[in-house]
Amino acid sequence: MTPDGCLKVFAFLEAVWTNDDHTRAHLDSRVYGGGRMKDLLVSYLEELVRNPMLLTANEGSTGGQRDPDARTTDLAPVLVDTLREWARTGGEEAAVGIAHSVIAYLLVCVASAQGDLLAALPQLRHAAARSWPEFDFRAAEPTRTHRGGPGSPSAV
């Protein structure tokens, strides 16, 4: 996954969480280097499962990551495979459903989430920035708190 793809995923997850249909539709209507949004979402989840440090704010620390039980850890690859198949066979609406599954996974794994994806996004951005030190994620730091709609400025 590229840094740009990661930023698109964060923006899409935020749009789904906040019911910002305008931004969600804008992001979902495009094809990116890694494919459609549904493909990027699955790639991001696969990265999280493969590299749990992407769930923590500080390198070498698990302070930002909940200690998922063995069932969560064991089932994560099954979730990735299921969502990959959904992305492959699902229609245009698949991205929103896949996003909800990724959000549910994040809420289980990220301690700072406390049931709110917006609380976890700064930590996830920081962890992603560690993976690509040459890329400036600060441009994506501000989290919109309003509910967008037609005419709202697009985050991406």
N, C-alpha and C. Protein backbone atom coordinates (compact mmCIF):
# COMPACT_ATOMS: atom_id res chain seq x y z
N MET A 1 0.85 -1.18 0.00
CA MET A 1 0.00 0.00 0.00
C MET A 1 0.89 1.23 0.00
N THR A 2 0.50 2.22 -0.80
CA THR A 2 1.26 3.46 -0.89
C THR A 2 0.79 4.45 0.18
N PRO A 3 1.59 5.44 0.49
CA PRO A 3 1.13 6.47 1.43
C PRO A 3 -0.15 7.15 0.96
N ASP A 4 -0.23 7.44 -0.34
CA ASP A 4 -1.44 8.08 -0.87
C ASP A 4 -2.65 7.17 -0.70
N GLY A 5 -2.49 5.89 -0.95
CA GLY A 5 -3.58 4.94 -0.76
C GLY A 5 -4.01 4.88 0.70
N CYS A 6 -3.04 4.93 1.60
CA CYS A 6 -3.34 4.92 3.02
C CYS A 6 -4.16 6.16 3.42
N LEU A 7 -3.77 7.32 2.89
CA LEU A 7 -4.53 8.54 3.17
C LEU A 7 -5.96 8.45 2.64
N LYS A 8 -6.11 7.86 1.48
CA LYS A 8 -7.45 7.69 0.90
C LYS A 8 -8.30 6.77 1.78
N VAL A 9 -7.69 5.72 2.29
CA VAL A 9 -8.39 4.80 3.18
C VAL A 9 -8.85 5.53 4.44
N PHE A 10 -7.95 6.30 5.06
CA PHE A 10 -8.33 7.05 6.26
C PHE A 10 -9.49 7.99 5.98
N ALA A 11 -9.41 8.70 4.85
CA ALA A 11 -10.47 9.64 4.50
C ALA A 11 -11.80 8.91 4.27
N PHE A 12 -11.72 7.75 3.62
CA PHE A 12 -12.94 6.99 3.35
C PHE A 12 -13.54 6.45 4.65
N LEU A 13 -12.69 5.89 5.52
CA LEU A 13 -13.19 5.38 6.80
C LEU A 13 -13.85 6.50 7.60
N GLU A 14 -13.23 7.67 7.61
CA GLU A 14 -13.80 8.81 8.32
C GLU A 14 -15.13 9.22 7.69
N ALA A 15 -15.20 9.23 6.37
CA ALA A 15 -16.45 9.60 5.70
C ALA A 15 -17.57 8.60 6.01
N VAL A 16 -17.24 7.33 6.05
CA VAL A 16 -18.25 6.31 6.39
C VAL A 16 -18.68 6.49 7.85
N TRP A 17 -17.72 6.71 8.74
CA TRP A 17 -18.02 6.86 10.18
C TRP A 17 -18.92 8.06 10.44
N THR A 18 -18.66 9.18 9.74
CA THR A 18 -19.40 10.42 9.98
C THR A 18 -20.60 10.59 9.04
N ASN A 19 -20.89 9.57 8.25
CA ASN A 19 -22.00 9.62 7.30
C ASN A 19 -21.85 10.76 6.30
N ASP A 20 -20.63 11.04 5.89
CA ASP A 20 -20.35 12.07 4.90
C ASP A 20 -20.47 11.43 3.52
N ASP A 21 -21.70 11.36 3.03
CA ASP A 21 -21.97 10.66 1.78
C ASP A 21 -21.28 11.31 0.58
N HIS A 22 -21.14 12.62 0.60
CA HIS A 22 -20.50 13.32 -0.52
C HIS A 22 -19.04 12.88 -0.66
N THR A 23 -18.29 12.95 0.44
CA THR A 23 -16.87 12.56 0.40
C THR A 23 -16.73 11.08 0.12
N ARG A 24 -17.58 10.27 0.75
CA ARG A 24 -17.54 8.82 0.53
C ARG A 24 -17.74 8.50 -0.94
N ALA A 25 -18.76 9.09 -1.55
CA ALA A 25 -19.04 8.83 -2.96
C ALA A 25 -17.90 9.31 -3.86
N HIS A 26 -17.33 10.46 -3.52
CA HIS A 26 -16.22 10.99 -4.29
C HIS A 26 -15.02 10.03 -4.26
N LEU A 27 -14.68 9.55 -3.08
CA LEU A 27 -13.54 8.65 -2.95
C LEU A 27 -13.81 7.29 -3.57
N ASP A 28 -15.03 6.82 -3.47
CA ASP A 28 -15.36 5.49 -3.97
C ASP A 28 -15.50 5.47 -5.49
N SER A 29 -15.67 6.63 -6.11
CA SER A 29 -15.89 6.67 -7.55
C SER A 29 -14.59 6.60 -8.35
N ARG A 30 -13.47 6.63 -7.69
CA ARG A 30 -12.18 6.67 -8.37
C ARG A 30 -11.47 5.32 -8.36
N VAL A 31 -10.54 5.20 -9.28
CA VAL A 31 -9.66 4.04 -9.32
C VAL A 31 -8.27 4.54 -8.95
N TYR A 32 -7.65 3.86 -7.99
CA TYR A 32 -6.34 4.27 -7.49
C TYR A 32 -5.31 3.26 -7.94
N GLY A 33 -4.05 3.53 -7.62
CA GLY A 33 -2.97 2.62 -7.98
C GLY A 33 -3.20 1.21 -7.49
N GLY A 34 -3.82 1.08 -6.31
CA GLY A 34 -4.09 -0.24 -5.75
C GLY A 34 -5.45 -0.80 -6.11
N GLY A 35 -6.17 -0.12 -7.00
CA GLY A 35 -7.49 -0.57 -7.40
C GLY A 35 -8.58 0.34 -6.89
N ARG A 36 -9.77 -0.18 -6.79
CA ARG A 36 -10.91 0.58 -6.27
C ARG A 36 -10.79 0.70 -4.76
N MET A 37 -11.62 1.55 -4.16
CA MET A 37 -11.56 1.77 -2.72
C MET A 37 -11.74 0.45 -1.96
N LYS A 38 -12.61 -0.41 -2.42
CA LYS A 38 -12.82 -1.67 -1.70
C LYS A 38 -11.53 -2.49 -1.67
N ASP A 39 -10.73 -2.42 -2.73
CA ASP A 39 -9.45 -3.12 -2.75
C ASP A 39 -8.43 -2.48 -1.81
N LEU A 40 -8.43 -1.14 -1.76
CA LEU A 40 -7.52 -0.44 -0.85
C LEU A 40 -7.85 -0.76 0.61
N LEU A 41 -9.13 -0.82 0.93
CA LEU A 41 -9.54 -1.14 2.30
C LEU A 41 -9.04 -2.51 2.71
N VAL A 42 -9.17 -3.49 1.83
CA VAL A 42 -8.70 -4.84 2.13
C VAL A 42 -7.18 -4.85 2.26
N SER A 43 -6.49 -4.12 1.40
CA SER A 43 -5.03 -4.04 1.49
C SER A 43 -4.59 -3.42 2.81
N TYR A 44 -5.30 -2.38 3.26
CA TYR A 44 -4.96 -1.74 4.53
C TYR A 44 -5.17 -2.72 5.68
N LEU A 45 -6.30 -3.41 5.70
CA LEU A 45 -6.56 -4.39 6.76
C LEU A 45 -5.50 -5.48 6.75
N GLU A 46 -5.12 -5.93 5.57
CA GLU A 46 -4.09 -6.96 5.46
C GLU A 46 -2.76 -6.46 6.04
N GLU A 47 -2.43 -5.19 5.80
CA GLU A 47 -1.22 -4.59 6.38
C GLU A 47 -1.31 -4.58 7.90
N LEU A 48 -2.48 -4.23 8.45
CA LEU A 48 -2.65 -4.21 9.90
C LEU A 48 -2.48 -5.59 10.51
N VAL A 49 -3.02 -6.60 9.85
CA VAL A 49 -2.92 -7.96 10.36
C VAL A 49 -1.47 -8.45 10.29
N ARG A 50 -0.81 -8.11 9.20
CA ARG A 50 0.58 -8.53 9.00
C ARG A 50 1.55 -7.76 9.90
N ASN A 51 1.24 -6.48 10.18
CA ASN A 51 2.12 -5.63 10.96
C ASN A 51 1.32 -4.90 12.04
N PRO A 52 1.11 -5.53 13.20
CA PRO A 52 0.31 -4.93 14.26
C PRO A 52 0.88 -3.62 14.80
N MET A 53 2.16 -3.32 14.50
CA MET A 53 2.73 -2.04 14.94
C MET A 53 2.03 -0.87 14.27
N LEU A 54 1.31 -1.11 13.18
CA LEU A 54 0.55 -0.05 12.53
C LEU A 54 -0.67 0.37 13.35
N LEU A 55 -0.89 -0.33 14.45
CA LEU A 55 -2.00 0.02 15.35
C LEU A 55 -1.51 0.81 16.56
N THR A 56 -0.21 1.01 16.67
CA THR A 56 0.34 1.68 17.85
C THR A 56 0.94 3.02 17.47
N ALA A 57 0.87 3.95 18.41
CA ALA A 57 1.37 5.30 18.17
C ALA A 57 2.89 5.37 18.28
N ASN A 58 3.47 4.57 19.15
CA ASN A 58 4.91 4.64 19.40
C ASN A 58 5.58 3.35 19.00
N GLU A 59 6.67 3.49 18.25
CA GLU A 59 7.41 2.31 17.81
C GLU A 59 7.91 1.52 19.01
N GLY A 60 7.74 0.22 18.96
CA GLY A 60 8.21 -0.64 20.03
C GLY A 60 7.27 -0.68 21.23
N SER A 61 6.15 -0.01 21.13
CA SER A 61 5.21 0.04 22.24
C SER A 61 3.88 -0.58 21.82
N THR A 62 3.22 -1.20 22.74
CA THR A 62 1.87 -1.68 22.48
C THR A 62 0.87 -0.86 23.28
N GLY A 63 1.30 0.29 23.78
CA GLY A 63 0.45 1.13 24.60
C GLY A 63 -0.81 1.59 23.90
N GLY A 64 -0.76 1.76 22.58
CA GLY A 64 -1.93 2.20 21.85
C GLY A 64 -2.74 1.05 21.29
N GLN A 65 -2.25 -0.16 21.50
CA GLN A 65 -2.92 -1.32 20.95
C GLN A 65 -3.51 -2.13 22.10
N ARG A 66 -4.76 -2.51 21.94
CA ARG A 66 -5.35 -3.41 22.91
C ARG A 66 -4.70 -4.77 22.72
N ASP A 67 -4.77 -5.56 23.73
CA ASP A 67 -4.23 -6.90 23.63
C ASP A 67 -5.35 -7.82 23.17
N PRO A 68 -5.51 -7.98 21.85
CA PRO A 68 -6.62 -8.81 21.38
C PRO A 68 -6.44 -10.26 21.82
N ASP A 69 -7.55 -10.88 22.10
CA ASP A 69 -7.46 -12.28 22.51
C ASP A 69 -7.10 -13.15 21.31
N ALA A 70 -6.79 -14.39 21.58
CA ALA A 70 -6.33 -15.31 20.53
C ALA A 70 -7.37 -15.48 19.43
N ARG A 71 -8.65 -15.43 19.80
CA ARG A 71 -9.67 -15.59 18.76
C ARG A 71 -9.60 -14.47 17.74
N THR A 72 -9.41 -13.23 18.20
CA THR A 72 -9.31 -12.09 17.28
C THR A 72 -8.09 -12.26 16.39
N THR A 73 -6.97 -12.61 16.97
CA THR A 73 -5.73 -12.78 16.22
C THR A 73 -5.85 -13.93 15.22
N ASP A 74 -6.45 -15.03 15.64
CA ASP A 74 -6.59 -16.19 14.76
C ASP A 74 -7.58 -15.94 13.63
N LEU A 75 -8.62 -15.15 13.90
CA LEU A 75 -9.65 -14.93 12.90
C LEU A 75 -9.33 -13.79 11.94
N ALA A 76 -8.35 -12.96 12.26
CA ALA A 76 -8.03 -11.82 11.41
C ALA A 76 -7.71 -12.23 9.97
N PRO A 77 -6.88 -13.25 9.73
CA PRO A 77 -6.63 -13.65 8.33
C PRO A 77 -7.90 -14.14 7.62
N VAL A 78 -8.80 -14.75 8.37
CA VAL A 78 -10.07 -15.20 7.78
C VAL A 78 -10.88 -13.98 7.37
N LEU A 79 -10.89 -12.95 8.22
CA LEU A 79 -11.59 -11.71 7.89
C LEU A 79 -11.00 -11.09 6.63
N VAL A 80 -9.69 -11.04 6.53
CA VAL A 80 -9.04 -10.48 5.34
C VAL A 80 -9.46 -11.25 4.09
N ASP A 81 -9.41 -12.58 4.15
CA ASP A 81 -9.79 -13.40 3.00
C ASP A 81 -11.25 -13.20 2.62
N THR A 82 -12.12 -13.11 3.61
CA THR A 82 -13.54 -12.90 3.36
C THR A 82 -13.78 -11.55 2.70
N LEU A 83 -13.14 -10.52 3.23
CA LEU A 83 -13.32 -9.18 2.66
C LEU A 83 -12.69 -9.08 1.27
N ARG A 84 -11.59 -9.78 1.04
CA ARG A 84 -10.98 -9.78 -0.29
C ARG A 84 -11.96 -10.40 -1.31
N GLU A 85 -12.61 -11.48 -0.91
CA GLU A 85 -13.58 -12.11 -1.81
C GLU A 85 -14.78 -11.19 -2.04
N TRP A 86 -15.23 -10.52 -0.98
CA TRP A 86 -16.33 -9.56 -1.11
C TRP A 86 -15.94 -8.43 -2.07
N ALA A 87 -14.71 -7.94 -1.95
CA ALA A 87 -14.24 -6.88 -2.85
C ALA A 87 -14.21 -7.37 -4.29
N ARG A 88 -13.85 -8.63 -4.47
CA ARG A 88 -13.75 -9.18 -5.82
C ARG A 88 -15.12 -9.39 -6.45
N THR A 89 -16.07 -9.88 -5.66
CA THR A 89 -17.38 -10.25 -6.22
C THR A 89 -18.47 -9.22 -5.97
N GLY A 90 -18.26 -8.33 -5.00
CA GLY A 90 -19.29 -7.37 -4.64
C GLY A 90 -19.40 -6.23 -5.63
N GLY A 91 -20.54 -5.62 -5.62
CA GLY A 91 -20.78 -4.48 -6.50
C GLY A 91 -20.24 -3.20 -5.91
N GLU A 92 -20.78 -2.10 -6.39
CA GLU A 92 -20.33 -0.77 -5.96
C GLU A 92 -20.54 -0.53 -4.47
N GLU A 93 -21.56 -1.13 -3.89
CA GLU A 93 -21.87 -0.92 -2.47
C GLU A 93 -20.91 -1.67 -1.54
N ALA A 94 -20.08 -2.52 -2.06
CA ALA A 94 -19.20 -3.35 -1.23
C ALA A 94 -18.22 -2.51 -0.41
N ALA A 95 -17.75 -1.38 -0.92
CA ALA A 95 -16.75 -0.59 -0.20
C ALA A 95 -17.28 -0.13 1.16
N VAL A 96 -18.53 0.27 1.23
CA VAL A 96 -19.09 0.74 2.50
C VAL A 96 -19.17 -0.41 3.50
N GLY A 97 -19.62 -1.56 3.07
CA GLY A 97 -19.69 -2.72 3.96
C GLY A 97 -18.31 -3.16 4.43
N ILE A 98 -17.35 -3.16 3.51
CA ILE A 98 -15.98 -3.52 3.87
C ILE A 98 -15.42 -2.49 4.85
N ALA A 99 -15.71 -1.21 4.62
CA ALA A 99 -15.25 -0.16 5.54
C ALA A 99 -15.80 -0.38 6.94
N HIS A 100 -17.07 -0.76 7.05
CA HIS A 100 -17.64 -1.03 8.37
C HIS A 100 -16.91 -2.19 9.06
N SER A 101 -16.52 -3.20 8.30
CA SER A 101 -15.77 -4.32 8.87
C SER A 101 -14.38 -3.88 9.33
N VAL A 102 -13.71 -3.06 8.54
CA VAL A 102 -12.39 -2.56 8.92
C VAL A 102 -12.52 -1.68 10.17
N ILE A 103 -13.54 -0.83 10.22
CA ILE A 103 -13.77 0.01 11.39
C ILE A 103 -13.99 -0.85 12.63
N ALA A 104 -14.80 -1.89 12.50
CA ALA A 104 -15.05 -2.78 13.65
C ALA A 104 -13.75 -3.41 14.13
N TYR A 105 -12.90 -3.82 13.20
CA TYR A 105 -11.60 -4.40 13.58
C TYR A 105 -10.75 -3.37 14.31
N LEU A 106 -10.72 -2.14 13.80
CA LEU A 106 -9.94 -1.08 14.44
C LEU A 106 -10.44 -0.78 15.84
N LEU A 107 -11.75 -0.75 16.01
CA LEU A 107 -12.32 -0.46 17.32
C LEU A 107 -11.99 -1.54 18.34
N VAL A 108 -11.83 -2.78 17.87
CA VAL A 108 -11.45 -3.87 18.76
C VAL A 108 -9.97 -3.77 19.13
N CYS A 109 -9.15 -3.33 18.19
CA CYS A 109 -7.70 -3.40 18.38
C CYS A 109 -7.03 -2.13 18.91
N VAL A 110 -7.62 -0.97 18.71
CA VAL A 110 -6.96 0.28 19.07
C VAL A 110 -7.52 0.82 20.38
N ALA A 111 -6.68 0.88 21.38
CA ALA A 111 -7.12 1.29 22.72
C ALA A 111 -7.67 2.71 22.72
N SER A 112 -7.06 3.63 21.96
CA SER A 112 -7.52 5.01 21.98
C SER A 112 -8.88 5.19 21.31
N ALA A 113 -9.36 4.19 20.60
CA ALA A 113 -10.63 4.31 19.89
C ALA A 113 -11.80 4.52 20.85
N GLN A 114 -11.84 3.79 21.93
CA GLN A 114 -12.91 3.91 22.91
C GLN A 114 -14.28 3.99 22.24
N GLY A 115 -14.49 3.18 21.23
CA GLY A 115 -15.76 3.15 20.53
C GLY A 115 -15.95 4.26 19.52
N ASP A 116 -14.91 5.06 19.26
CA ASP A 116 -15.01 6.18 18.32
C ASP A 116 -13.83 6.15 17.37
N LEU A 117 -14.10 5.93 16.11
CA LEU A 117 -13.03 5.86 15.12
C LEU A 117 -12.25 7.17 15.06
N LEU A 118 -12.91 8.31 15.20
CA LEU A 118 -12.22 9.59 15.10
C LEU A 118 -11.16 9.74 16.18
N ALA A 119 -11.35 9.10 17.32
CA ALA A 119 -10.34 9.14 18.39
C ALA A 119 -9.11 8.31 18.02
N ALA A 120 -9.29 7.31 17.18
CA ALA A 120 -8.18 6.43 16.79
C ALA A 120 -7.41 6.93 15.58
N LEU A 121 -8.03 7.75 14.73
CA LEU A 121 -7.37 8.14 13.49
C LEU A 121 -6.04 8.85 13.67
N PRO A 122 -5.88 9.77 14.63
CA PRO A 122 -4.55 10.38 14.78
C PRO A 122 -3.46 9.35 15.08
N GLN A 123 -3.77 8.38 15.91
CA GLN A 123 -2.81 7.32 16.23
C GLN A 123 -2.50 6.49 15.00
N LEU A 124 -3.51 6.16 14.21
CA LEU A 124 -3.30 5.36 13.01
C LEU A 124 -2.48 6.13 11.98
N ARG A 125 -2.73 7.43 11.86
CA ARG A 125 -1.94 8.26 10.94
C ARG A 125 -0.47 8.31 11.39
N HIS A 126 -0.27 8.47 12.70
CA HIS A 126 1.08 8.52 13.22
C HIS A 126 1.82 7.21 12.96
N ALA A 127 1.14 6.11 13.18
CA ALA A 127 1.75 4.80 12.93
C ALA A 127 2.06 4.61 11.45
N ALA A 128 1.17 5.06 10.58
CA ALA A 128 1.40 4.96 9.14
C ALA A 128 2.58 5.84 8.74
N ALA A 129 2.69 7.02 9.34
CA ALA A 129 3.79 7.93 9.01
C ALA A 129 5.14 7.30 9.35
N ARG A 130 5.19 6.50 10.42
CA ARG A 130 6.43 5.80 10.76
C ARG A 130 6.83 4.82 9.66
N SER A 131 5.84 4.26 8.98
CA SER A 131 6.13 3.29 7.93
C SER A 131 6.70 3.95 6.68
N TRP A 132 6.34 5.21 6.48
CA TRP A 132 6.82 5.96 5.31
C TRP A 132 7.41 7.28 5.79
N PRO A 133 8.60 7.27 6.39
CA PRO A 133 9.16 8.49 6.96
C PRO A 133 9.38 9.59 5.93
N GLU A 134 9.50 9.23 4.66
CA GLU A 134 9.73 10.24 3.63
C GLU A 134 8.44 10.95 3.23
N PHE A 135 7.29 10.47 3.68
CA PHE A 135 6.00 11.04 3.29
C PHE A 135 5.46 11.89 4.43
N ASP A 136 4.96 13.06 4.12
CA ASP A 136 4.46 13.99 5.13
C ASP A 136 2.96 13.77 5.33
N PHE A 137 2.61 13.08 6.42
CA PHE A 137 1.21 12.81 6.73
C PHE A 137 0.54 13.99 7.45
N ARG A 138 1.33 15.00 7.81
CA ARG A 138 0.74 16.12 8.56
C ARG A 138 -0.35 16.81 7.76
N ALA A 139 -0.27 16.77 6.47
CA ALA A 139 -1.29 17.40 5.64
C ALA A 139 -2.65 16.75 5.86
N ALA A 140 -2.66 15.51 6.33
CA ALA A 140 -3.91 14.79 6.55
C ALA A 140 -4.34 14.79 8.01
N GLU A 141 -3.60 15.47 8.87
CA GLU A 141 -3.89 15.45 10.31
C GLU A 141 -5.26 15.96 10.70
N PRO A 142 -5.71 17.14 10.21
CA PRO A 142 -6.99 17.65 10.71
C PRO A 142 -8.13 16.69 10.42
N THR A 143 -8.86 16.39 11.44
CA THR A 143 -10.02 15.51 11.30
C THR A 143 -11.26 16.38 11.27
N ARG A 144 -12.03 16.24 10.22
CA ARG A 144 -13.28 17.00 10.11
C ARG A 144 -14.24 16.48 11.16
N THR A 145 -14.97 17.40 11.77
CA THR A 145 -15.95 16.99 12.77
C THR A 145 -17.36 17.30 12.32
N HIS A 146 -17.50 17.96 11.16
CA HIS A 146 -18.84 18.28 10.67
C HIS A 146 -19.35 17.15 9.79
N ARG A 147 -20.62 17.12 9.63
CA ARG A 147 -21.20 16.15 8.70
C ARG A 147 -21.27 16.83 7.34
N GLY A 148 -20.60 16.24 6.38
CA GLY A 148 -20.54 16.83 5.04
C GLY A 148 -21.82 16.54 4.28
N GLY A 149 -21.90 17.13 3.16
CA GLY A 149 -23.02 16.92 2.27
C GLY A 149 -22.69 17.56 0.96
N PRO A 150 -23.66 17.65 0.07
CA PRO A 150 -23.40 18.29 -1.20
C PRO A 150 -22.86 19.70 -0.98
N GLY A 151 -21.81 20.01 -1.68
CA GLY A 151 -21.21 21.33 -1.58
C GLY A 151 -20.14 21.42 -0.50
N SER A 152 -20.00 20.39 0.34
CA SER A 152 -18.97 20.41 1.38
C SER A 152 -17.61 20.25 0.72
N PRO A 153 -16.59 20.89 1.29
CA PRO A 153 -15.26 20.69 0.71
C PRO A 153 -14.81 19.26 0.88
N SER A 154 -14.17 18.76 -0.11
CA SER A 154 -13.68 17.38 -0.07
C SER A 154 -12.37 17.32 0.69
N ALA A 155 -12.21 16.28 1.48
CA ALA A 155 -10.98 16.11 2.26
C ALA A 155 -9.83 15.68 1.38
N VAL A 156 -10.14 15.07 0.25
CA VAL A 156 -9.08 14.54 -0.61
C VAL A 156 -9.31 14.98 -2.01
